[in-house]
C-alpha atoms as a PDB file:
ATOM      1  CA  MET A   1       0.072  -0.211  -0.020  1.00  0.00           C
ATOM      2  CA  THR A   2       1.403   3.363  -1.101  1.00  0.00           C
ATOM      3  CA  PRO A   3       1.741   6.007   1.347  1.00  0.00           C
ATOM      4  CA  SER A   4      -0.281   8.289  -0.808  1.00  0.00           C
ATOM      5  CA  ILE A   5      -3.453   6.077  -0.512  1.00  0.00           C
ATOM      6  CA  SER A   6      -2.649   4.816   3.549  1.00  0.00           C
ATOM      7  CA  ALA A   7      -4.175   8.285   4.756  1.00  0.00           C
ATOM      8  CA  PRO A   8      -7.402   8.356   2.943  1.00  0.00           C
ATOM      9  CA  LEU A   9      -8.062   4.181   3.131  1.00  0.00           C
ATOM     10  CA  SER A  10      -7.645   4.685   6.997  1.00  0.00           C
ATOM     11  CA  LEU A  11      -9.972   7.565   7.296  1.00  0.00           C
ATOM     12  CA  ILE A  12     -12.587   6.023   5.132  1.00  0.00           C
ATOM     13  CA  GLN A  13     -12.434   2.718   7.002  1.00  0.00           C
ATOM     14  CA  THR A  14     -12.877   4.487  10.295  1.00  0.00           C
ATOM     15  CA  LEU A  15     -16.178   6.520   9.033  1.00  0.00           C
ATOM     16  CA  LEU A  16     -16.958   2.921   7.391  1.00  0.00           C
ATOM     17  CA  ALA A  17     -16.508   1.043  10.704  1.00  0.00           C
ATOM     18  CA  ALA A  18     -18.085   3.952  12.734  1.00  0.00           C
ATOM     19  CA  GLN A  19     -21.239   3.268  10.350  1.00  0.00           C
ATOM     20  CA  ARG A  20     -20.758  -0.781  10.882  1.00  0.00           C
ATOM     21  CA  ALA A  21     -20.908   0.223  14.903  1.00  0.00           C
ATOM     22  CA  LYS A  22     -24.046   1.805  14.816  1.00  0.00           C
ATOM     23  CA  GLY A  23     -26.028  -0.982  12.963  1.00  0.00           C
ATOM     24  CA  GLN A  24     -25.923   0.182   9.183  1.00  0.00           C
ATOM     25  CA  GLN A  25     -24.983  -2.504   6.566  1.00  0.00           C
ATOM     26  CA  ILE A  26     -21.750  -1.775   4.776  1.00  0.00           C
ATOM     27  CA  THR A  27     -22.879  -2.276   0.780  1.00  0.00           C
ATOM     28  CA  PRO A  28     -20.632  -1.421  -2.112  1.00  0.00           C
ATOM     29  CA  GLU A  29     -22.697   1.841  -2.772  1.00  0.00           C
ATOM     30  CA  LEU A  30     -21.759   2.983   0.468  1.00  0.00           C
ATOM     31  CA  ILE A  31     -17.805   2.485   0.350  1.00  0.00           C
ATOM     32  CA  LYS A  32     -18.340   3.891  -3.284  1.00  0.00           C
ATOM     33  CA  ASP A  33     -19.685   7.001  -1.745  1.00  0.00           C
ATOM     34  CA  GLY A  34     -17.246   7.082   1.057  1.00  0.00           C
ATOM     35  CA  VAL A  35     -14.515   6.940  -1.406  1.00  0.00           C
ATOM     36  CA  ASP A  36     -15.730   9.567  -3.472  1.00  0.00           C
ATOM     37  CA  ARG A  37     -16.569  11.836  -0.161  1.00  0.00           C
ATOM     38  CA  VAL A  38     -12.699  11.169   0.829  1.00  0.00           C
ATOM     39  CA  LEU A  39     -10.904  11.765  -2.217  1.00  0.00           C
ATOM     40  CA  LEU A  40     -12.506  15.311  -2.105  1.00  0.00           C
ATOM     41  CA  ALA A  41      -9.698  16.007   0.574  1.00  0.00           C
ATOM     42  CA  PHE A  42      -7.059  14.064  -1.248  1.00  0.00           C
ATOM     43  CA  PRO A  43      -7.108  16.075  -4.947  1.00  0.00           C
ATOM     44  CA  ASP A  44      -3.277  14.716  -5.729  1.00  0.00           C
ATOM     45  CA  ILE A  45      -4.505  11.148  -5.714  1.00  0.00           C
ATOM     46  CA  ALA A  46      -8.614  11.549  -6.747  1.00  0.00           C
ATOM     47  CA  ASP A  47      -8.098   9.597  -9.890  1.00  0.00           C
ATOM     48  CA  GLU A  48      -9.991   6.387 -11.233  1.00  0.00           C
ATOM     49  CA  GLU A  49      -7.025   4.054 -10.446  1.00  0.00           C
ATOM     50  CA  SER A  50      -6.756   5.391  -6.772  1.00  0.00           C
ATOM     51  CA  ARG A  51     -10.718   4.709  -6.305  1.00  0.00           C
ATOM     52  CA  ALA A  52     -10.460   1.518  -7.922  1.00  0.00           C
ATOM     53  CA  LEU A  53      -7.846   0.458  -5.541  1.00  0.00           C
ATOM     54  CA  LEU A  54      -9.645   2.209  -2.451  1.00  0.00           C
ATOM     55  CA  VAL A  55     -12.713   0.406  -3.126  1.00  0.00           C
ATOM     56  CA  ARG A  56     -11.012  -2.662  -3.566  1.00  0.00           C
ATOM     57  CA  GLU A  57      -9.287  -2.774  -0.659  1.00  0.00           C
ATOM     58  CA  LEU A  58     -12.355  -1.568   1.631  1.00  0.00           C
ATOM     59  CA  GLU A  59     -15.012  -4.341   0.103  1.00  0.00           C
ATOM     60  CA  ALA A  60     -12.181  -7.093   1.037  1.00  0.00           C
ATOM     61  CA  ARG A  61     -11.699  -5.431   4.288  1.00  0.00           C
ATOM     62  CA  PHE A  62     -15.343  -5.165   5.070  1.00  0.00           C
ATOM     63  CA  SER A  63     -16.212  -8.449   2.946  1.00  0.00           C
ATOM     64  CA  VAL A  64     -18.365  -7.092   0.924  1.00  0.00           C
ATOM     65  CA  TRP A  65     -19.691  -9.899  -2.204  1.00  0.00           C
ATOM     66  CA  ILE A  66     -21.049  -8.551  -5.160  1.00  0.00           C
ATOM     67  CA  GLY A  67     -23.190 -11.151  -7.490  1.00  0.00           C
ATOM     68  CA  GLU A  68     -24.445 -14.864  -6.786  1.00  0.00           C
ATOM     69  CA  ALA A  69     -22.201 -17.050  -4.698  1.00  0.00           C
END
């Protein structure tokens, strides 16, 4: 994980964990929305590659499964 991705990743993960602690289900849409909002504070890395990397990492960390099993 590159240092430039570490700070936004940590921030988004903390925000999502707080939402989950309140009983909210973590969905792919919630992750993408969180990534988009946090990347506004990090314009130097706000590109599609970074966004995709953050979304994939957060989906893995929060065990979000997309599609049929």
